[in-house]
């Protein structure tokens, strides 16, 4: 799993019109963090995980979207574990 695949998955969720605007804005912020070349990869991953964790607790998102976000968080955590080892 690499960052490009994760960004693509986040973009797919963003394009879903059923996702609330505030959640789409947070997803865009997450994408911005992940593609930021000035940040250390560990910092980017930690920031993205933090944003998505907060988003997943939003009561206005549908269960399917919440599951998609949790899957992306799992991908980010796996990537983080690969980098740390």
PDB file of N, CA and C in Angstrom:
ATOM      1  N   UNK A   1       0.858  -1.181   0.000  1.00  0.00           N
ATOM      2  CA  UNK A   1       0.000   0.000   0.000  1.00  0.00           C
ATOM      3  C   UNK A   1       0.897   1.235   0.000  1.00  0.00           C
ATOM      4  N   UNK A   2       0.553   2.178  -0.864  1.00  0.00           N
ATOM      5  CA  UNK A   2       1.314   3.415  -0.870  1.00  0.00           C
ATOM      6  C   UNK A   2       0.380   4.617  -0.762  1.00  0.00           C
ATOM      7  N   UNK A   3       0.975   5.773  -0.621  1.00  0.00           N
ATOM      8  CA  UNK A   3       0.201   6.991  -0.385  1.00  0.00           C
ATOM      9  C   UNK A   3      -0.707   7.306  -1.572  1.00  0.00           C
ATOM     10  N   UNK A   4      -0.263   7.023  -2.779  1.00  0.00           N
ATOM     11  CA  UNK A   4      -1.090   7.306  -3.963  1.00  0.00           C
ATOM     12  C   UNK A   4      -2.412   6.540  -3.921  1.00  0.00           C
ATOM     13  N   UNK A   5      -2.365   5.279  -3.506  1.00  0.00           N
ATOM     14  CA  UNK A   5      -3.594   4.483  -3.395  1.00  0.00           C
ATOM     15  C   UNK A   5      -4.512   5.036  -2.304  1.00  0.00           C
ATOM     16  N   UNK A   6      -3.925   5.480  -1.217  1.00  0.00           N
ATOM     17  CA  UNK A   6      -4.711   6.035  -0.118  1.00  0.00           C
ATOM     18  C   UNK A   6      -5.364   7.345  -0.544  1.00  0.00           C
ATOM     19  N   UNK A   7      -4.613   8.194  -1.245  1.00  0.00           N
ATOM     20  CA  UNK A   7      -5.157   9.460  -1.750  1.00  0.00           C
ATOM     21  C   UNK A   7      -6.307   9.175  -2.722  1.00  0.00           C
ATOM     22  N   UNK A   8      -6.159   8.170  -3.566  1.00  0.00           N
ATOM     23  CA  UNK A   8      -7.224   7.802  -4.505  1.00  0.00           C
ATOM     24  C   UNK A   8      -8.480   7.346  -3.762  1.00  0.00           C
ATOM     25  N   UNK A   9      -8.304   6.570  -2.705  1.00  0.00           N
ATOM     26  CA  UNK A   9      -9.451   6.101  -1.909  1.00  0.00           C
ATOM     27  C   UNK A   9     -10.147   7.279  -1.228  1.00  0.00           C
ATOM     28  N   UNK A  10      -9.360   8.225  -0.710  1.00  0.00           N
ATOM     29  CA  UNK A  10      -9.941   9.413  -0.084  1.00  0.00           C
ATOM     30  C   UNK A  10     -10.694  10.246  -1.109  1.00  0.00           C
ATOM     31  N   UNK A  11     -10.154  10.364  -2.302  1.00  0.00           N
ATOM     32  CA  UNK A  11     -10.806  11.131  -3.370  1.00  0.00           C
ATOM     33  C   UNK A  11     -12.128  10.497  -3.765  1.00  0.00           C
ATOM     34  N   UNK A  12     -12.176   9.170  -3.785  1.00  0.00           N
ATOM     35  CA  UNK A  12     -13.429   8.476  -4.092  1.00  0.00           C
ATOM     36  C   UNK A  12     -14.519   8.831  -3.084  1.00  0.00           C
ATOM     37  N   UNK A  13     -14.156   8.865  -1.828  1.00  0.00           N
ATOM     38  CA  UNK A  13     -15.140   9.220  -0.794  1.00  0.00           C
ATOM     39  C   UNK A  13     -15.557  10.680  -0.952  1.00  0.00           C
ATOM     40  N   UNK A  14     -14.608  11.545  -1.257  1.00  0.00           N
ATOM     41  CA  UNK A  14     -14.898  12.966  -1.420  1.00  0.00           C
ATOM     42  C   UNK A  14     -15.898  13.220  -2.533  1.00  0.00           C
ATOM     43  N   UNK A  15     -15.856  12.424  -3.580  1.00  0.00           N
ATOM     44  CA  UNK A  15     -16.735  12.619  -4.732  1.00  0.00           C
ATOM     45  C   UNK A  15     -18.166  12.169  -4.460  1.00  0.00           C
ATOM     46  N   UNK A  16     -18.382  11.427  -3.382  1.00  0.00           N
ATOM     47  CA  UNK A  16     -19.716  10.951  -3.020  1.00  0.00           C
ATOM     48  C   UNK A  16     -20.529  12.114  -2.461  1.00  0.00           C
ATOM     49  N   UNK A  17     -21.573  12.478  -3.156  1.00  0.00           N
ATOM     50  CA  UNK A  17     -22.396  13.635  -2.755  1.00  0.00           C
ATOM     51  C   UNK A  17     -23.201  13.378  -1.476  1.00  0.00           C
ATOM     52  N   UNK A  18     -23.274  12.143  -1.049  1.00  0.00           N
ATOM     53  CA  UNK A  18     -23.989  11.830   0.195  1.00  0.00           C
ATOM     54  C   UNK A  18     -23.147  12.132   1.426  1.00  0.00           C
ATOM     55  N   UNK A  19     -21.852  12.364   1.217  1.00  0.00           N
ATOM     56  CA  UNK A  19     -20.942  12.673   2.328  1.00  0.00           C
ATOM     57  C   UNK A  19     -21.104  14.156   2.669  1.00  0.00           C
ATOM     58  N   UNK A  20     -21.315  14.481   3.950  1.00  0.00           N
ATOM     59  CA  UNK A  20     -21.492  15.887   4.342  1.00  0.00           C
ATOM     60  C   UNK A  20     -20.295  16.758   3.954  1.00  0.00           C
ATOM     61  N   UNK A  21     -20.577  18.036   3.713  1.00  0.00           N
ATOM     62  CA  UNK A  21     -19.536  18.981   3.284  1.00  0.00           C
ATOM     63  C   UNK A  21     -18.374  19.059   4.254  1.00  0.00           C
ATOM     64  N   UNK A  22     -18.676  19.102   5.540  1.00  0.00           N
ATOM     65  CA  UNK A  22     -17.590  19.227   6.521  1.00  0.00           C
ATOM     66  C   UNK A  22     -16.675  18.004   6.491  1.00  0.00           C
ATOM     67  N   UNK A  23     -17.232  16.844   6.221  1.00  0.00           N
ATOM     68  CA  UNK A  23     -16.433  15.627   6.117  1.00  0.00           C
ATOM     69  C   UNK A  23     -15.596  15.682   4.846  1.00  0.00           C
ATOM     70  N   UNK A  24     -16.196  16.133   3.745  1.00  0.00           N
ATOM     71  CA  UNK A  24     -15.429  16.257   2.492  1.00  0.00           C
ATOM     72  C   UNK A  24     -14.279  17.251   2.661  1.00  0.00           C
ATOM     73  N   UNK A  25     -14.518  18.322   3.403  1.00  0.00           N
ATOM     74  CA  UNK A  25     -13.451  19.303   3.645  1.00  0.00           C
ATOM     75  C   UNK A  25     -12.319  18.674   4.460  1.00  0.00           C
ATOM     76  N   UNK A  26     -12.669  17.873   5.452  1.00  0.00           N
ATOM     77  CA  UNK A  26     -11.648  17.188   6.256  1.00  0.00           C
ATOM     78  C   UNK A  26     -10.879  16.169   5.422  1.00  0.00           C
ATOM     79  N   UNK A  27     -11.564  15.508   4.516  1.00  0.00           N
ATOM     80  CA  UNK A  27     -10.892  14.553   3.630  1.00  0.00           C
ATOM     81  C   UNK A  27      -9.928  15.282   2.700  1.00  0.00           C
ATOM     82  N   UNK A  28     -10.338  16.465   2.229  1.00  0.00           N
ATOM     83  CA  UNK A  28      -9.451  17.265   1.382  1.00  0.00           C
ATOM     84  C   UNK A  28      -8.221  17.706   2.170  1.00  0.00           C
ATOM     85  N   UNK A  29      -8.426  18.071   3.427  1.00  0.00           N
ATOM     86  CA  UNK A  29      -7.304  18.442   4.295  1.00  0.00           C
ATOM     87  C   UNK A  29      -6.345  17.255   4.468  1.00  0.00           C
ATOM     88  N   UNK A  30      -6.904  16.079   4.618  1.00  0.00           N
ATOM     89  CA  UNK A  30      -6.091  14.870   4.761  1.00  0.00           C
ATOM     90  C   UNK A  30      -5.271  14.618   3.496  1.00  0.00           C
ATOM     91  N   UNK A  31      -5.898  14.747   2.341  1.00  0.00           N
ATOM     92  CA  UNK A  31      -5.186  14.576   1.074  1.00  0.00           C
ATOM     93  C   UNK A  31      -4.051  15.595   0.987  1.00  0.00           C
ATOM     94  N   UNK A  32      -4.334  16.833   1.367  1.00  0.00           N
ATOM     95  CA  UNK A  32      -3.306  17.872   1.348  1.00  0.00           C
ATOM     96  C   UNK A  32      -2.116  17.520   2.214  1.00  0.00           C
ATOM     97  N   UNK A  33      -2.398  16.968   3.375  1.00  0.00           N
ATOM     98  CA  UNK A  33      -1.310  16.547   4.271  1.00  0.00           C
ATOM     99  C   UNK A  33      -0.493  15.426   3.650  1.00  0.00           C
ATOM    100  N   UNK A  34      -1.169  14.469   3.040  1.00  0.00           N
ATOM    101  CA  UNK A  34      -0.472  13.310   2.494  1.00  0.00           C
ATOM    102  C   UNK A  34       0.388  13.648   1.274  1.00  0.00           C
ATOM    103  N   UNK A  35      -0.026  14.645   0.493  1.00  0.00           N
ATOM    104  CA  UNK A  35       0.755  14.989  -0.696  1.00  0.00           C
ATOM    105  C   UNK A  35       1.756  16.107  -0.437  1.00  0.00           C
ATOM    106  N   UNK A  36       1.782  16.606   0.782  1.00  0.00           N
ATOM    107  CA  UNK A  36       2.725  17.658   1.154  1.00  0.00           C
ATOM    108  C   UNK A  36       4.139  17.080   1.182  1.00  0.00           C
ATOM    109  N   UNK A  37       4.966  17.516   0.258  1.00  0.00           N
ATOM    110  CA  UNK A  37       6.320  16.983   0.155  1.00  0.00           C
ATOM    111  C   UNK A  37       7.298  17.610   1.137  1.00  0.00           C
ATOM    112  N   UNK A  38       6.877  18.631   1.850  1.00  0.00           N
ATOM    113  CA  UNK A  38       7.765  19.312   2.789  1.00  0.00           C
ATOM    114  C   UNK A  38       7.781  18.640   4.163  1.00  0.00           C
ATOM    115  N   UNK A  39       6.796  17.817   4.432  1.00  0.00           N
ATOM    116  CA  UNK A  39       6.687  17.171   5.741  1.00  0.00           C
ATOM    117  C   UNK A  39       7.368  15.807   5.741  1.00  0.00           C
ATOM    118  N   UNK A  40       7.811  15.416   6.900  1.00  0.00           N
ATOM    119  CA  UNK A  40       8.351  14.077   7.139  1.00  0.00           C
ATOM    120  C   UNK A  40       7.198  13.077   6.981  1.00  0.00           C
ATOM    121  N   UNK A  41       7.470  11.917   6.417  1.00  0.00           N
ATOM    122  CA  UNK A  41       6.436  10.913   6.163  1.00  0.00           C
ATOM    123  C   UNK A  41       5.729  10.494   7.452  1.00  0.00           C
ATOM    124  N   UNK A  42       6.458  10.389   8.537  1.00  0.00           N
ATOM    125  CA  UNK A  42       5.853   9.992   9.810  1.00  0.00           C
ATOM    126  C   UNK A  42       4.868  11.049  10.292  1.00  0.00           C
ATOM    127  N   UNK A  43       5.239  12.310  10.141  1.00  0.00           N
ATOM    128  CA  UNK A  43       4.358  13.411  10.546  1.00  0.00           C
ATOM    129  C   UNK A  43       3.108  13.422   9.683  1.00  0.00           C
ATOM    130  N   UNK A  44       3.288  13.216   8.370  1.00  0.00           N
ATOM    131  CA  UNK A  44       2.138  13.196   7.456  1.00  0.00           C
ATOM    132  C   UNK A  44       1.161  12.085   7.838  1.00  0.00           C
ATOM    133  N   UNK A  45       1.692  10.908   8.113  1.00  0.00           N
ATOM    134  CA  UNK A  45       0.829   9.780   8.460  1.00  0.00           C
ATOM    135  C   UNK A  45       0.101  10.010   9.771  1.00  0.00           C
ATOM    136  N   UNK A  46       0.815  10.508  10.775  1.00  0.00           N
ATOM    137  CA  UNK A  46       0.182  10.779  12.070  1.00  0.00           C
ATOM    138  C   UNK A  46      -0.913  11.824  11.961  1.00  0.00           C
ATOM    139  N   UNK A  47      -0.650  12.878  11.192  1.00  0.00           N
ATOM    140  CA  UNK A  47      -1.650  13.934  11.010  1.00  0.00           C
ATOM    141  C   UNK A  47      -2.875  13.393  10.285  1.00  0.00           C
ATOM    142  N   UNK A  48      -2.652  12.615   9.231  1.00  0.00           N
ATOM    143  CA  UNK A  48      -3.766  12.051   8.466  1.00  0.00           C
ATOM    144  C   UNK A  48      -4.612  11.120   9.328  1.00  0.00           C
ATOM    145  N   UNK A  49      -3.963  10.284  10.105  1.00  0.00           N
ATOM    146  CA  UNK A  49      -4.690   9.368  10.989  1.00  0.00           C
ATOM    147  C   UNK A  49      -5.522  10.146  11.998  1.00  0.00           C
ATOM    148  N   UNK A  50      -4.959  11.200  12.542  1.00  0.00           N
ATOM    149  CA  UNK A  50      -5.666  12.020  13.523  1.00  0.00           C
ATOM    150  C   UNK A  50      -6.909  12.668  12.910  1.00  0.00           C
ATOM    151  N   UNK A  51      -6.757  13.239  11.720  1.00  0.00           N
ATOM    152  CA  UNK A  51      -7.898  13.883  11.054  1.00  0.00           C
ATOM    153  C   UNK A  51      -8.986  12.860  10.755  1.00  0.00           C
ATOM    154  N   UNK A  52      -8.600  11.713  10.221  1.00  0.00           N
ATOM    155  CA  UNK A  52      -9.589  10.700   9.861  1.00  0.00           C
ATOM    156  C   UNK A  52     -10.263  10.093  11.082  1.00  0.00           C
ATOM    157  N   UNK A  53      -9.521   9.980  12.183  1.00  0.00           N
ATOM    158  CA  UNK A  53     -10.123   9.484  13.418  1.00  0.00           C
ATOM    159  C   UNK A  53     -11.230  10.422  13.879  1.00  0.00           C
ATOM    160  N   UNK A  54     -10.966  11.713  13.782  1.00  0.00           N
ATOM    161  CA  UNK A  54     -11.972  12.703  14.164  1.00  0.00           C
ATOM    162  C   UNK A  54     -13.175  12.637  13.221  1.00  0.00           C
ATOM    163  N   UNK A  55     -12.914  12.512  11.927  1.00  0.00           N
ATOM    164  CA  UNK A  55     -13.986  12.438  10.933  1.00  0.00           C
ATOM    165  C   UNK A  55     -14.856  11.208  11.161  1.00  0.00           C
ATOM    166  N   UNK A  56     -14.245  10.087  11.506  1.00  0.00           N
ATOM    167  CA  UNK A  56     -15.011   8.850  11.670  1.00  0.00           C
ATOM    168  C   UNK A  56     -15.990   8.923  12.837  1.00  0.00           C
ATOM    169  N   UNK A  57     -15.796   9.874  13.727  1.00  0.00           N
ATOM    170  CA  UNK A  57     -16.708  10.045  14.857  1.00  0.00           C
ATOM    171  C   UNK A  57     -17.867  10.989  14.555  1.00  0.00           C
ATOM    172  N   UNK A  58     -17.902  11.546  13.344  1.00  0.00           N
ATOM    173  CA  UNK A  58     -18.987  12.445  12.948  1.00  0.00           C
ATOM    174  C   UNK A  58     -20.288  11.648  12.877  1.00  0.00           C
ATOM    175  N   UNK A  59     -21.303  12.136  13.546  1.00  0.00           N
ATOM    176  CA  UNK A  59     -22.583  11.419  13.602  1.00  0.00           C
ATOM    177  C   UNK A  59     -23.378  11.521  12.311  1.00  0.00           C
ATOM    178  N   UNK A  60     -22.985  12.431  11.419  1.00  0.00           N
ATOM    179  CA  UNK A  60     -23.748  12.650  10.190  1.00  0.00           C
ATOM    180  C   UNK A  60     -23.334  11.762   9.025  1.00  0.00           C
ATOM    181  N   UNK A  61     -22.273  10.982   9.178  1.00  0.00           N
ATOM    182  CA  UNK A  61     -21.856  10.151   8.043  1.00  0.00           C
ATOM    183  C   UNK A  61     -22.537   8.786   8.105  1.00  0.00           C
ATOM    184  N   UNK A  62     -22.704   8.220   6.931  1.00  0.00           N
ATOM    185  CA  UNK A  62     -23.351   6.915   6.837  1.00  0.00           C
ATOM    186  C   UNK A  62     -22.397   5.818   7.300  1.00  0.00           C
ATOM    187  N   UNK A  63     -22.943   4.717   7.798  1.00  0.00           N
ATOM    188  CA  UNK A  63     -22.089   3.614   8.267  1.00  0.00           C
ATOM    189  C   UNK A  63     -21.107   3.107   7.211  1.00  0.00           C
ATOM    190  N   UNK A  64     -21.536   3.045   5.943  1.00  0.00           N
ATOM    191  CA  UNK A  64     -20.637   2.573   4.890  1.00  0.00           C
ATOM    192  C   UNK A  64     -19.433   3.502   4.736  1.00  0.00           C
ATOM    193  N   UNK A  65     -19.691   4.807   4.781  1.00  0.00           N
ATOM    194  CA  UNK A  65     -18.608   5.788   4.664  1.00  0.00           C
ATOM    195  C   UNK A  65     -17.669   5.679   5.863  1.00  0.00           C
ATOM    196  N   UNK A  66     -18.241   5.496   7.028  1.00  0.00           N
ATOM    197  CA  UNK A  66     -17.428   5.337   8.239  1.00  0.00           C
ATOM    198  C   UNK A  66     -16.509   4.113   8.101  1.00  0.00           C
ATOM    199  N   UNK A  67     -17.042   3.029   7.564  1.00  0.00           N
ATOM    200  CA  UNK A  67     -16.240   1.823   7.356  1.00  0.00           C
ATOM    201  C   UNK A  67     -15.122   2.091   6.349  1.00  0.00           C
ATOM    202  N   UNK A  68     -15.418   2.830   5.285  1.00  0.00           N
ATOM    203  CA  UNK A  68     -14.385   3.178   4.312  1.00  0.00           C
ATOM    204  C   UNK A  68     -13.262   3.974   4.978  1.00  0.00           C
ATOM    205  N   UNK A  69     -13.633   4.908   5.821  1.00  0.00           N
ATOM    206  CA  UNK A  69     -12.637   5.737   6.516  1.00  0.00           C
ATOM    207  C   UNK A  69     -11.804   4.869   7.449  1.00  0.00           C
ATOM    208  N   UNK A  70     -12.436   3.956   8.166  1.00  0.00           N
ATOM    209  CA  UNK A  70     -11.684   3.057   9.056  1.00  0.00           C
ATOM    210  C   UNK A  70     -10.699   2.204   8.254  1.00  0.00           C
ATOM    211  N   UNK A  71     -11.117   1.760   7.072  1.00  0.00           N
ATOM    212  CA  UNK A  71     -10.217   0.980   6.222  1.00  0.00           C
ATOM    213  C   UNK A  71      -9.009   1.810   5.795  1.00  0.00           C
ATOM    214  N   UNK A  72      -9.234   3.062   5.480  1.00  0.00           N
ATOM    215  CA  UNK A  72      -8.123   3.942   5.094  1.00  0.00           C
ATOM    216  C   UNK A  72      -7.195   4.174   6.284  1.00  0.00           C
ATOM    217  N   UNK A  73      -7.769   4.345   7.469  1.00  0.00           N
ATOM    218  CA  UNK A  73      -6.932   4.495   8.670  1.00  0.00           C
ATOM    219  C   UNK A  73      -6.082   3.240   8.863  1.00  0.00           C
ATOM    220  N   UNK A  74      -6.654   2.075   8.634  1.00  0.00           N
ATOM    221  CA  UNK A  74      -5.890   0.825   8.745  1.00  0.00           C
ATOM    222  C   UNK A  74      -4.747   0.793   7.737  1.00  0.00           C
ATOM    223  N   UNK A  75      -5.013   1.261   6.518  1.00  0.00           N
ATOM    224  CA  UNK A  75      -3.966   1.312   5.506  1.00  0.00           C
ATOM    225  C   UNK A  75      -2.839   2.253   5.932  1.00  0.00           C
ATOM    226  N   UNK A  76      -3.222   3.400   6.488  1.00  0.00           N
ATOM    227  CA  UNK A  76      -2.216   4.365   6.956  1.00  0.00           C
ATOM    228  C   UNK A  76      -1.387   3.784   8.094  1.00  0.00           C
ATOM    229  N   UNK A  77      -2.053   3.084   9.007  1.00  0.00           N
ATOM    230  CA  UNK A  77      -1.330   2.473  10.123  1.00  0.00           C
ATOM    231  C   UNK A  77      -0.391   1.368   9.634  1.00  0.00           C
ATOM    232  N   UNK A  78      -0.813   0.606   8.634  1.00  0.00           N
ATOM    233  CA  UNK A  78       0.060  -0.430   8.063  1.00  0.00           C
ATOM    234  C   UNK A  78       1.285   0.201   7.415  1.00  0.00           C
ATOM    235  N   UNK A  79       1.065   1.275   6.682  1.00  0.00           N
ATOM    236  CA  UNK A  79       2.162   1.990   6.056  1.00  0.00           C
ATOM    237  C   UNK A  79       3.125   2.540   7.116  1.00  0.00           C
ATOM    238  N   UNK A  80       2.541   3.051   8.180  1.00  0.00           N
ATOM    239  CA  UNK A  80       3.345   3.584   9.281  1.00  0.00           C
ATOM    240  C   UNK A  80       4.191   2.475   9.921  1.00  0.00           C
ATOM    241  N   UNK A  81       3.603   1.300  10.106  1.00  0.00           N
ATOM    242  CA  UNK A  81       4.348   0.171  10.675  1.00  0.00           C
ATOM    243  C   UNK A  81       5.479  -0.286   9.761  1.00  0.00           C
ATOM    244  N   UNK A  82       5.228  -0.271   8.436  1.00  0.00           N
ATOM    245  CA  UNK A  82       6.283  -0.633   7.489  1.00  0.00           C
ATOM    246  C   UNK A  82       7.449   0.326   7.584  1.00  0.00           C
ATOM    247  N   UNK A  83       7.153   1.595   7.700  1.00  0.00           N
ATOM    248  CA  UNK A  83       8.208   2.613   7.767  1.00  0.00           C
ATOM    249  C   UNK A  83       9.008   2.501   9.058  1.00  0.00           C
ATOM    250  N   UNK A  84       8.331   2.205  10.156  1.00  0.00           N
ATOM    251  CA  UNK A  84       9.008   2.125  11.454  1.00  0.00           C
ATOM    252  C   UNK A  84       9.873   0.889  11.586  1.00  0.00           C
ATOM    253  N   UNK A  85       9.600  -0.147  10.813  1.00  0.00           N
ATOM    254  CA  UNK A  85      10.393  -1.365  10.949  1.00  0.00           C
ATOM    255  C   UNK A  85      11.482  -1.482   9.924  1.00  0.00           C
TER     256      UNK A  85
END
